[in-house]
N, C-alpha and C. Protein backbone atom coordinates (compact mmCIF):
# COMPACT_ATOMS: atom_id res chain seq x y z
N MET A 1 71.55 157.34 73.93
CA MET A 1 72.35 158.38 74.57
C MET A 1 73.62 157.74 75.12
N LEU A 2 74.74 158.40 74.87
CA LEU A 2 76.02 157.93 75.39
C LEU A 2 76.11 158.27 76.87
N VAL A 3 76.46 157.29 77.69
CA VAL A 3 76.64 157.48 79.13
C VAL A 3 78.01 156.92 79.48
N THR A 4 78.85 157.76 80.09
CA THR A 4 80.21 157.33 80.40
C THR A 4 80.66 157.88 81.75
N THR A 5 81.56 157.15 82.39
CA THR A 5 82.11 157.62 83.66
C THR A 5 83.29 158.56 83.45
N THR A 6 83.77 158.66 82.22
CA THR A 6 84.91 159.55 81.94
C THR A 6 84.43 161.00 81.89
N ASN A 7 85.38 161.93 82.10
CA ASN A 7 85.04 163.35 82.10
C ASN A 7 85.16 164.00 80.73
N THR A 8 85.65 163.26 79.76
CA THR A 8 85.78 163.76 78.40
C THR A 8 85.40 162.65 77.44
N ILE A 9 85.23 163.02 76.19
CA ILE A 9 85.04 162.03 75.13
C ILE A 9 86.14 162.31 74.13
N GLN A 10 87.04 161.37 74.00
CA GLN A 10 88.25 161.56 73.22
C GLN A 10 87.95 162.08 71.81
N GLY A 11 88.62 163.19 71.45
CA GLY A 11 88.53 163.75 70.12
C GLY A 11 87.24 164.51 69.83
N LYS A 12 86.41 164.74 70.85
CA LYS A 12 85.13 165.43 70.65
C LYS A 12 85.08 166.73 71.42
N ASP A 13 84.43 167.73 70.82
CA ASP A 13 84.16 168.98 71.52
C ASP A 13 82.80 168.85 72.19
N LEU A 14 82.71 169.35 73.42
CA LEU A 14 81.49 169.21 74.20
C LEU A 14 80.93 170.56 74.58
N ASP A 15 79.62 170.69 74.50
CA ASP A 15 78.91 171.84 75.07
C ASP A 15 78.22 171.34 76.33
N TYR A 16 78.55 171.96 77.46
CA TYR A 16 78.03 171.52 78.74
C TYR A 16 76.63 172.07 78.97
N ARG A 17 75.71 171.21 79.40
CA ARG A 17 74.32 171.60 79.64
C ARG A 17 74.00 171.70 81.13
N GLY A 18 74.68 170.91 81.97
CA GLY A 18 74.44 171.00 83.41
C GLY A 18 74.40 169.65 84.10
N LEU A 19 74.22 169.71 85.40
CA LEU A 19 74.17 168.54 86.26
C LEU A 19 72.84 167.82 86.09
N VAL A 20 72.90 166.49 86.02
CA VAL A 20 71.68 165.68 85.96
C VAL A 20 71.78 164.56 86.98
N THR A 21 70.63 164.18 87.52
CA THR A 21 70.60 163.12 88.53
C THR A 21 69.41 162.20 88.30
N GLY A 22 69.51 161.05 88.87
CA GLY A 22 68.40 160.10 88.88
C GLY A 22 68.50 159.28 90.15
N GLU A 23 67.37 158.97 90.73
CA GLU A 23 67.35 158.19 91.96
C GLU A 23 66.31 157.09 91.85
N ALA A 24 66.57 156.01 92.56
CA ALA A 24 65.60 154.93 92.66
C ALA A 24 65.71 154.31 94.04
N ILE A 25 64.57 154.11 94.67
CA ILE A 25 64.53 153.43 95.96
C ILE A 25 63.55 152.28 95.81
N LEU A 26 64.05 151.08 96.05
CA LEU A 26 63.22 149.89 95.93
C LEU A 26 63.26 149.10 97.23
N GLY A 27 62.10 148.62 97.64
CA GLY A 27 62.03 147.78 98.83
C GLY A 27 62.23 146.33 98.47
N ALA A 28 62.89 145.60 99.34
CA ALA A 28 63.04 144.16 99.15
C ALA A 28 62.00 143.49 100.05
N ASN A 29 61.20 142.60 99.48
CA ASN A 29 60.11 142.02 100.27
C ASN A 29 60.61 140.96 101.24
N LEU A 30 59.73 140.52 102.09
CA LEU A 30 60.07 139.59 103.16
C LEU A 30 60.66 138.28 102.65
N PHE A 31 60.09 137.71 101.58
CA PHE A 31 60.59 136.43 101.07
C PHE A 31 62.01 136.58 100.53
N LYS A 32 62.27 137.67 99.83
CA LYS A 32 63.63 137.90 99.33
C LYS A 32 64.59 138.05 100.49
N ASP A 33 64.16 138.75 101.56
CA ASP A 33 65.01 138.91 102.74
C ASP A 33 65.30 137.56 103.38
N LEU A 34 64.28 136.71 103.48
CA LEU A 34 64.47 135.39 104.06
C LEU A 34 65.49 134.57 103.27
N PHE A 35 65.31 134.51 101.95
CA PHE A 35 66.23 133.73 101.12
C PHE A 35 67.63 134.33 101.14
N ALA A 36 67.73 135.64 101.17
CA ALA A 36 69.05 136.28 101.24
C ALA A 36 69.72 135.93 102.56
N GLY A 37 68.94 135.90 103.65
CA GLY A 37 69.48 135.53 104.95
C GLY A 37 70.00 134.11 104.97
N ILE A 38 69.28 133.21 104.34
CA ILE A 38 69.72 131.81 104.25
C ILE A 38 71.01 131.73 103.46
N ARG A 39 71.10 132.45 102.35
CA ARG A 39 72.32 132.47 101.55
C ARG A 39 73.50 133.01 102.35
N ASP A 40 73.23 134.05 103.17
CA ASP A 40 74.31 134.61 103.97
C ASP A 40 74.84 133.58 104.95
N ILE A 41 73.96 132.73 105.48
CA ILE A 41 74.37 131.71 106.45
C ILE A 41 75.19 130.62 105.76
N VAL A 42 74.70 130.14 104.61
CA VAL A 42 75.37 129.01 103.95
C VAL A 42 76.38 129.46 102.90
N GLY A 43 76.45 130.74 102.63
CA GLY A 43 77.40 131.26 101.64
C GLY A 43 76.74 131.36 100.27
N GLY A 44 77.40 132.06 99.39
CA GLY A 44 76.88 132.22 98.05
C GLY A 44 76.37 133.63 97.80
N ARG A 45 75.93 133.83 96.60
CA ARG A 45 75.44 135.14 96.20
C ARG A 45 73.94 135.21 96.37
N SER A 46 73.45 136.41 96.62
CA SER A 46 72.01 136.62 96.76
C SER A 46 71.46 137.16 95.45
N GLY A 47 70.94 136.27 94.63
CA GLY A 47 70.38 136.65 93.33
C GLY A 47 69.24 137.63 93.45
N ALA A 48 68.44 137.49 94.51
CA ALA A 48 67.29 138.39 94.70
C ALA A 48 67.76 139.83 94.88
N TYR A 49 68.78 140.02 95.71
CA TYR A 49 69.29 141.38 95.92
C TYR A 49 70.01 141.90 94.68
N GLU A 50 70.73 141.04 93.99
CA GLU A 50 71.41 141.46 92.77
C GLU A 50 70.40 141.94 91.73
N GLU A 51 69.28 141.26 91.62
CA GLU A 51 68.23 141.68 90.69
C GLU A 51 67.66 143.03 91.08
N GLU A 52 67.42 143.22 92.38
CA GLU A 52 66.88 144.50 92.85
C GLU A 52 67.86 145.64 92.60
N LEU A 53 69.14 145.39 92.85
CA LEU A 53 70.16 146.42 92.60
C LEU A 53 70.23 146.76 91.12
N ALA A 54 70.19 145.76 90.26
CA ALA A 54 70.23 146.00 88.81
C ALA A 54 69.01 146.80 88.36
N LYS A 55 67.85 146.47 88.91
CA LYS A 55 66.63 147.19 88.57
C LYS A 55 66.71 148.65 89.02
N ALA A 56 67.18 148.86 90.24
CA ALA A 56 67.31 150.23 90.77
C ALA A 56 68.33 151.03 89.97
N ARG A 57 69.44 150.40 89.61
CA ARG A 57 70.48 151.09 88.81
C ARG A 57 69.91 151.52 87.47
N LYS A 58 69.17 150.64 86.80
CA LYS A 58 68.59 150.97 85.49
C LYS A 58 67.61 152.14 85.61
N ILE A 59 66.77 152.12 86.63
CA ILE A 59 65.81 153.20 86.84
C ILE A 59 66.54 154.53 87.05
N ALA A 60 67.56 154.53 87.91
CA ALA A 60 68.30 155.76 88.21
C ALA A 60 69.00 156.31 86.97
N VAL A 61 69.65 155.44 86.19
CA VAL A 61 70.36 155.89 84.99
C VAL A 61 69.36 156.37 83.93
N ASP A 62 68.25 155.66 83.76
CA ASP A 62 67.23 156.08 82.80
C ASP A 62 66.66 157.46 83.16
N GLU A 63 66.40 157.67 84.45
CA GLU A 63 65.88 158.96 84.91
C GLU A 63 66.89 160.08 84.64
N MET A 64 68.17 159.81 84.90
CA MET A 64 69.23 160.78 84.65
C MET A 64 69.29 161.12 83.16
N CYS A 65 69.19 160.11 82.30
CA CYS A 65 69.24 160.34 80.86
C CYS A 65 68.03 161.13 80.36
N GLN A 66 66.87 160.89 80.94
CA GLN A 66 65.67 161.66 80.57
C GLN A 66 65.85 163.12 80.91
N GLN A 67 66.45 163.40 82.06
CA GLN A 67 66.74 164.79 82.44
C GLN A 67 67.70 165.42 81.45
N ALA A 68 68.73 164.68 81.08
CA ALA A 68 69.72 165.19 80.13
C ALA A 68 69.08 165.49 78.78
N GLN A 69 68.25 164.59 78.32
CA GLN A 69 67.57 164.77 77.04
C GLN A 69 66.68 166.02 77.07
N ALA A 70 66.01 166.24 78.19
CA ALA A 70 65.15 167.42 78.34
C ALA A 70 65.97 168.71 78.31
N MET A 71 67.27 168.63 78.62
CA MET A 71 68.16 169.79 78.58
C MET A 71 68.82 169.94 77.22
N GLY A 72 68.46 169.08 76.27
CA GLY A 72 69.04 169.17 74.94
C GLY A 72 70.38 168.48 74.80
N ALA A 73 70.69 167.55 75.69
CA ALA A 73 71.96 166.84 75.65
C ALA A 73 71.83 165.55 74.84
N ASN A 74 72.96 165.08 74.33
CA ASN A 74 72.98 163.78 73.66
C ASN A 74 73.96 162.81 74.33
N ALA A 75 74.49 163.22 75.50
CA ALA A 75 75.39 162.35 76.26
C ALA A 75 75.44 162.82 77.71
N VAL A 76 75.84 161.90 78.58
CA VAL A 76 76.09 162.24 79.99
C VAL A 76 77.48 161.72 80.32
N ILE A 77 78.32 162.62 80.82
CA ILE A 77 79.70 162.24 81.16
C ILE A 77 79.92 162.35 82.66
N GLY A 78 81.04 161.78 83.12
CA GLY A 78 81.39 161.87 84.54
C GLY A 78 80.37 161.21 85.45
N VAL A 79 79.75 160.15 84.99
CA VAL A 79 78.68 159.51 85.75
C VAL A 79 79.23 158.82 86.99
N ASP A 80 78.55 159.05 88.11
CA ASP A 80 78.88 158.41 89.38
C ASP A 80 77.64 157.71 89.90
N LEU A 81 77.77 156.44 90.27
CA LEU A 81 76.67 155.67 90.84
C LEU A 81 76.95 155.45 92.32
N ASP A 82 75.97 155.74 93.16
CA ASP A 82 76.09 155.51 94.60
C ASP A 82 75.00 154.56 95.05
N TYR A 83 75.35 153.66 95.94
CA TYR A 83 74.42 152.66 96.48
C TYR A 83 74.32 152.84 97.98
N GLU A 84 73.11 152.81 98.50
CA GLU A 84 72.87 152.96 99.94
C GLU A 84 71.72 152.06 100.35
N THR A 85 71.70 151.70 101.61
CA THR A 85 70.52 151.07 102.19
C THR A 85 69.84 152.12 103.04
N VAL A 86 68.54 152.17 102.99
CA VAL A 86 67.77 153.15 103.75
C VAL A 86 66.58 152.45 104.38
N GLY A 87 65.91 153.15 105.26
CA GLY A 87 64.74 152.58 105.91
C GLY A 87 65.13 151.84 107.18
N GLN A 88 64.10 151.39 107.84
CA GLN A 88 64.30 150.67 109.09
C GLN A 88 65.08 149.38 108.83
N ASN A 89 66.18 149.19 109.51
CA ASN A 89 67.04 148.02 109.36
C ASN A 89 67.59 147.88 107.94
N GLY A 90 67.73 148.97 107.21
CA GLY A 90 68.27 148.90 105.85
C GLY A 90 67.42 148.07 104.92
N SER A 91 66.11 148.18 105.06
CA SER A 91 65.20 147.32 104.30
C SER A 91 64.94 147.80 102.88
N MET A 92 65.48 148.96 102.52
CA MET A 92 65.27 149.47 101.17
C MET A 92 66.62 149.76 100.52
N LEU A 93 66.66 149.64 99.21
CA LEU A 93 67.87 149.87 98.44
C LEU A 93 67.73 151.17 97.67
N MET A 94 68.74 152.03 97.75
CA MET A 94 68.70 153.29 97.00
C MET A 94 69.92 153.36 96.09
N VAL A 95 69.66 153.73 94.85
CA VAL A 95 70.73 153.96 93.90
C VAL A 95 70.55 155.38 93.37
N SER A 96 71.63 156.14 93.35
CA SER A 96 71.58 157.47 92.74
C SER A 96 72.65 157.54 91.65
N ALA A 97 72.26 158.17 90.55
CA ALA A 97 73.17 158.37 89.42
C ALA A 97 73.30 159.88 89.20
N THR A 98 74.52 160.35 89.07
CA THR A 98 74.79 161.76 88.87
C THR A 98 75.81 161.91 87.75
N GLY A 99 75.60 162.90 86.89
CA GLY A 99 76.54 163.15 85.81
C GLY A 99 76.37 164.54 85.24
N THR A 100 77.11 164.83 84.19
CA THR A 100 77.04 166.11 83.51
C THR A 100 76.47 165.90 82.12
N ALA A 101 75.37 166.59 81.84
CA ALA A 101 74.74 166.51 80.53
C ALA A 101 75.53 167.36 79.55
N VAL A 102 75.82 166.79 78.37
CA VAL A 102 76.58 167.51 77.36
C VAL A 102 75.99 167.27 75.98
N TRP A 103 76.31 168.16 75.07
CA TRP A 103 76.00 167.98 73.65
C TRP A 103 77.32 167.72 72.95
N ILE A 104 77.43 166.57 72.29
CA ILE A 104 78.64 166.25 71.54
C ILE A 104 78.53 166.90 70.18
N ARG A 105 79.50 167.78 69.86
CA ARG A 105 79.48 168.44 68.53
C ARG A 105 80.05 167.54 67.47
């Protein structure tokens, strides 16, 4: 399935099917938090959090695409990804994906 952040697909006619969304909330465990905290002190990137964000993003986009497919779409356009921390002390990562399901003629 084609997934794009653009609102059109150049040279193609589109039949609009509707709004689709996908969400993922993943908790980061204590050890990952500890190592991320150490990295924050000494500098550098937190690979543990980057992996969790990538995993959450994939889940959210996959869920959105499944919704689109169920609506008879073969693409999702205008995709927007939002990232938030939720839970006590921001201990969980949330990714939401939103777009418009379309059929490319």
